[in-house]
C-alpha atoms as a PDB file:
ATOM      1  CA  MET A   1      88.975 115.540  77.439  1.00  0.00           C
ATOM      2  CA  SER A   2      92.166 113.470  77.918  1.00  0.00           C
ATOM      3  CA  ALA A   3      92.486 109.909  76.650  1.00  0.00           C
ATOM      4  CA  SER A   4      93.327 107.188  79.107  1.00  0.00           C
ATOM      5  CA  VAL A   5      96.091 104.772  78.186  1.00  0.00           C
ATOM      6  CA  VAL A   6      95.676 101.134  79.031  1.00  0.00           C
ATOM      7  CA  TRP A   7      97.828  98.095  78.362  1.00  0.00           C
ATOM      8  CA  ALA A   8      97.029  94.405  77.975  1.00  0.00           C
ATOM      9  CA  THR A   9      99.400  91.959  79.603  1.00  0.00           C
ATOM     10  CA  GLU A  10      99.098  88.229  79.143  1.00  0.00           C
ATOM     11  CA  LEU A  11      99.487  86.598  82.578  1.00  0.00           C
ATOM     12  CA  SER A  12     100.605  82.965  82.751  1.00  0.00           C
ATOM     13  CA  LEU A  13      98.884  81.273  85.631  1.00  0.00           C
ATOM     14  CA  GLY A  14     100.943  78.120  85.547  1.00  0.00           C
ATOM     15  CA  TRP A  15      97.759  76.102  85.881  1.00  0.00           C
ATOM     16  CA  ASP A  16      94.912  75.295  83.528  1.00  0.00           C
ATOM     17  CA  LEU A  17      91.685  76.977  84.562  1.00  0.00           C
ATOM     18  CA  THR A  18      88.681  75.877  82.624  1.00  0.00           C
ATOM     19  CA  PRO A  19      86.359  76.997  81.255  1.00  0.00           C
ATOM     20  CA  ALA A  20      88.291  80.064  80.267  1.00  0.00           C
ATOM     21  CA  SER A  21      85.397  82.436  80.855  1.00  0.00           C
ATOM     22  CA  MET A  22      84.925  81.191  84.420  1.00  0.00           C
ATOM     23  CA  ALA A  23      88.701  81.400  85.030  1.00  0.00           C
ATOM     24  CA  ALA A  24      88.755  85.056  83.825  1.00  0.00           C
ATOM     25  CA  SER A  25      85.827  85.833  86.121  1.00  0.00           C
ATOM     26  CA  ALA A  26      87.473  84.308  89.198  1.00  0.00           C
ATOM     27  CA  VAL A  27      90.775  86.028  88.437  1.00  0.00           C
ATOM     28  CA  ARG A  28      89.017  89.319  87.706  1.00  0.00           C
ATOM     29  CA  SER A  29      87.363  89.407  91.121  1.00  0.00           C
ATOM     30  CA  GLU A  30      90.752  89.077  92.865  1.00  0.00           C
ATOM     31  CA  LEU A  31      92.732  91.404  90.596  1.00  0.00           C
ATOM     32  CA  TYR A  32      90.193  94.196  90.888  1.00  0.00           C
ATOM     33  CA  LEU A  33      91.791  94.708  94.325  1.00  0.00           C
ATOM     34  CA  PHE A  34      94.738  96.287  92.507  1.00  0.00           C
ATOM     35  CA  THR A  35      94.494  99.898  91.534  1.00  0.00           C
ATOM     36  CA  GLY A  36      94.838 100.183  87.784  1.00  0.00           C
ATOM     37  CA  VAL A  37      93.318  96.770  86.810  1.00  0.00           C
ATOM     38  CA  VAL A  38      90.588  97.594  84.335  1.00  0.00           C
ATOM     39  CA  ASP A  39      89.479  94.113  83.232  1.00  0.00           C
ATOM     40  CA  VAL A  40      90.584  90.474  82.939  1.00  0.00           C
ATOM     41  CA  LEU A  41      89.791  88.531  79.787  1.00  0.00           C
ATOM     42  CA  PRO A  42      90.210  84.872  78.832  1.00  0.00           C
ATOM     43  CA  GLY A  43      93.595  84.086  77.319  1.00  0.00           C
ATOM     44  CA  ALA A  44      94.256  82.062  74.183  1.00  0.00           C
ATOM     45  CA  ARG A  45      95.195  79.084  76.350  1.00  0.00           C
ATOM     46  CA  PRO A  46      93.551  77.739  79.504  1.00  0.00           C
ATOM     47  CA  ASP A  47      96.568  78.580  81.664  1.00  0.00           C
ATOM     48  CA  ARG A  48      96.544  82.283  80.725  1.00  0.00           C
ATOM     49  CA  VAL A  49      94.408  85.391  81.120  1.00  0.00           C
ATOM     50  CA  VAL A  50      94.872  88.899  79.687  1.00  0.00           C
ATOM     51  CA  VAL A  51      94.977  91.653  82.292  1.00  0.00           C
ATOM     52  CA  VAL A  52      93.920  95.086  80.972  1.00  0.00           C
ATOM     53  CA  HIS A  53      95.468  97.713  83.181  1.00  0.00           C
ATOM     54  CA  SER A  54      96.626 101.282  83.417  1.00  0.00           C
ATOM     55  CA  GLY A  55     100.080 101.877  84.892  1.00  0.00           C
ATOM     56  CA  PRO A  56     102.825  99.289  85.134  1.00  0.00           C
ATOM     57  CA  ALA A  57     102.182  95.562  84.905  1.00  0.00           C
ATOM     58  CA  LYS A  58     102.608  93.695  88.203  1.00  0.00           C
ATOM     59  CA  PRO A  59     102.578  89.997  87.174  1.00  0.00           C
ATOM     60  CA  GLU A  60     104.368  88.707  90.273  1.00  0.00           C
ATOM     61  CA  ALA A  61     102.080  90.639  92.646  1.00  0.00           C
ATOM     62  CA  TRP A  62      99.001  89.492  90.658  1.00  0.00           C
ATOM     63  CA  ARG A  63     100.096  85.848  90.807  1.00  0.00           C
ATOM     64  CA  SER A  64     100.860  86.180  94.559  1.00  0.00           C
ATOM     65  CA  GLU A  65      97.343  87.492  95.167  1.00  0.00           C
ATOM     66  CA  LEU A  66      95.845  84.604  93.126  1.00  0.00           C
ATOM     67  CA  ARG A  67      97.867  82.111  95.140  1.00  0.00           C
ATOM     68  CA  GLU A  68      96.725  83.620  98.470  1.00  0.00           C
ATOM     69  CA  ALA A  69      93.138  83.406  97.225  1.00  0.00           C
ATOM     70  CA  GLY A  70      93.553  79.731  96.342  1.00  0.00           C
ATOM     71  CA  ILE A  71      92.856  80.224  92.631  1.00  0.00           C
ATOM     72  CA  ILE A  72      96.256  78.956  91.508  1.00  0.00           C
ATOM     73  CA  PRO A  73      98.742  76.692  93.343  1.00  0.00           C
END
């Protein structure tokens, strides 16, 4: 059995989303569209989430998707 490697990337949203758990849930539903996104967790600050993913981080593409979905300005 081979082990899967995942990374955690803090993603700055540039906008406070509160409560953090609801923000992570909204962001998660959009970022699951990307192959490799495993989970989205609340960040330490209300303007950040932590994206758990396999493969390379795609912060600009992730933010672009969130803008198109109306989650961030």
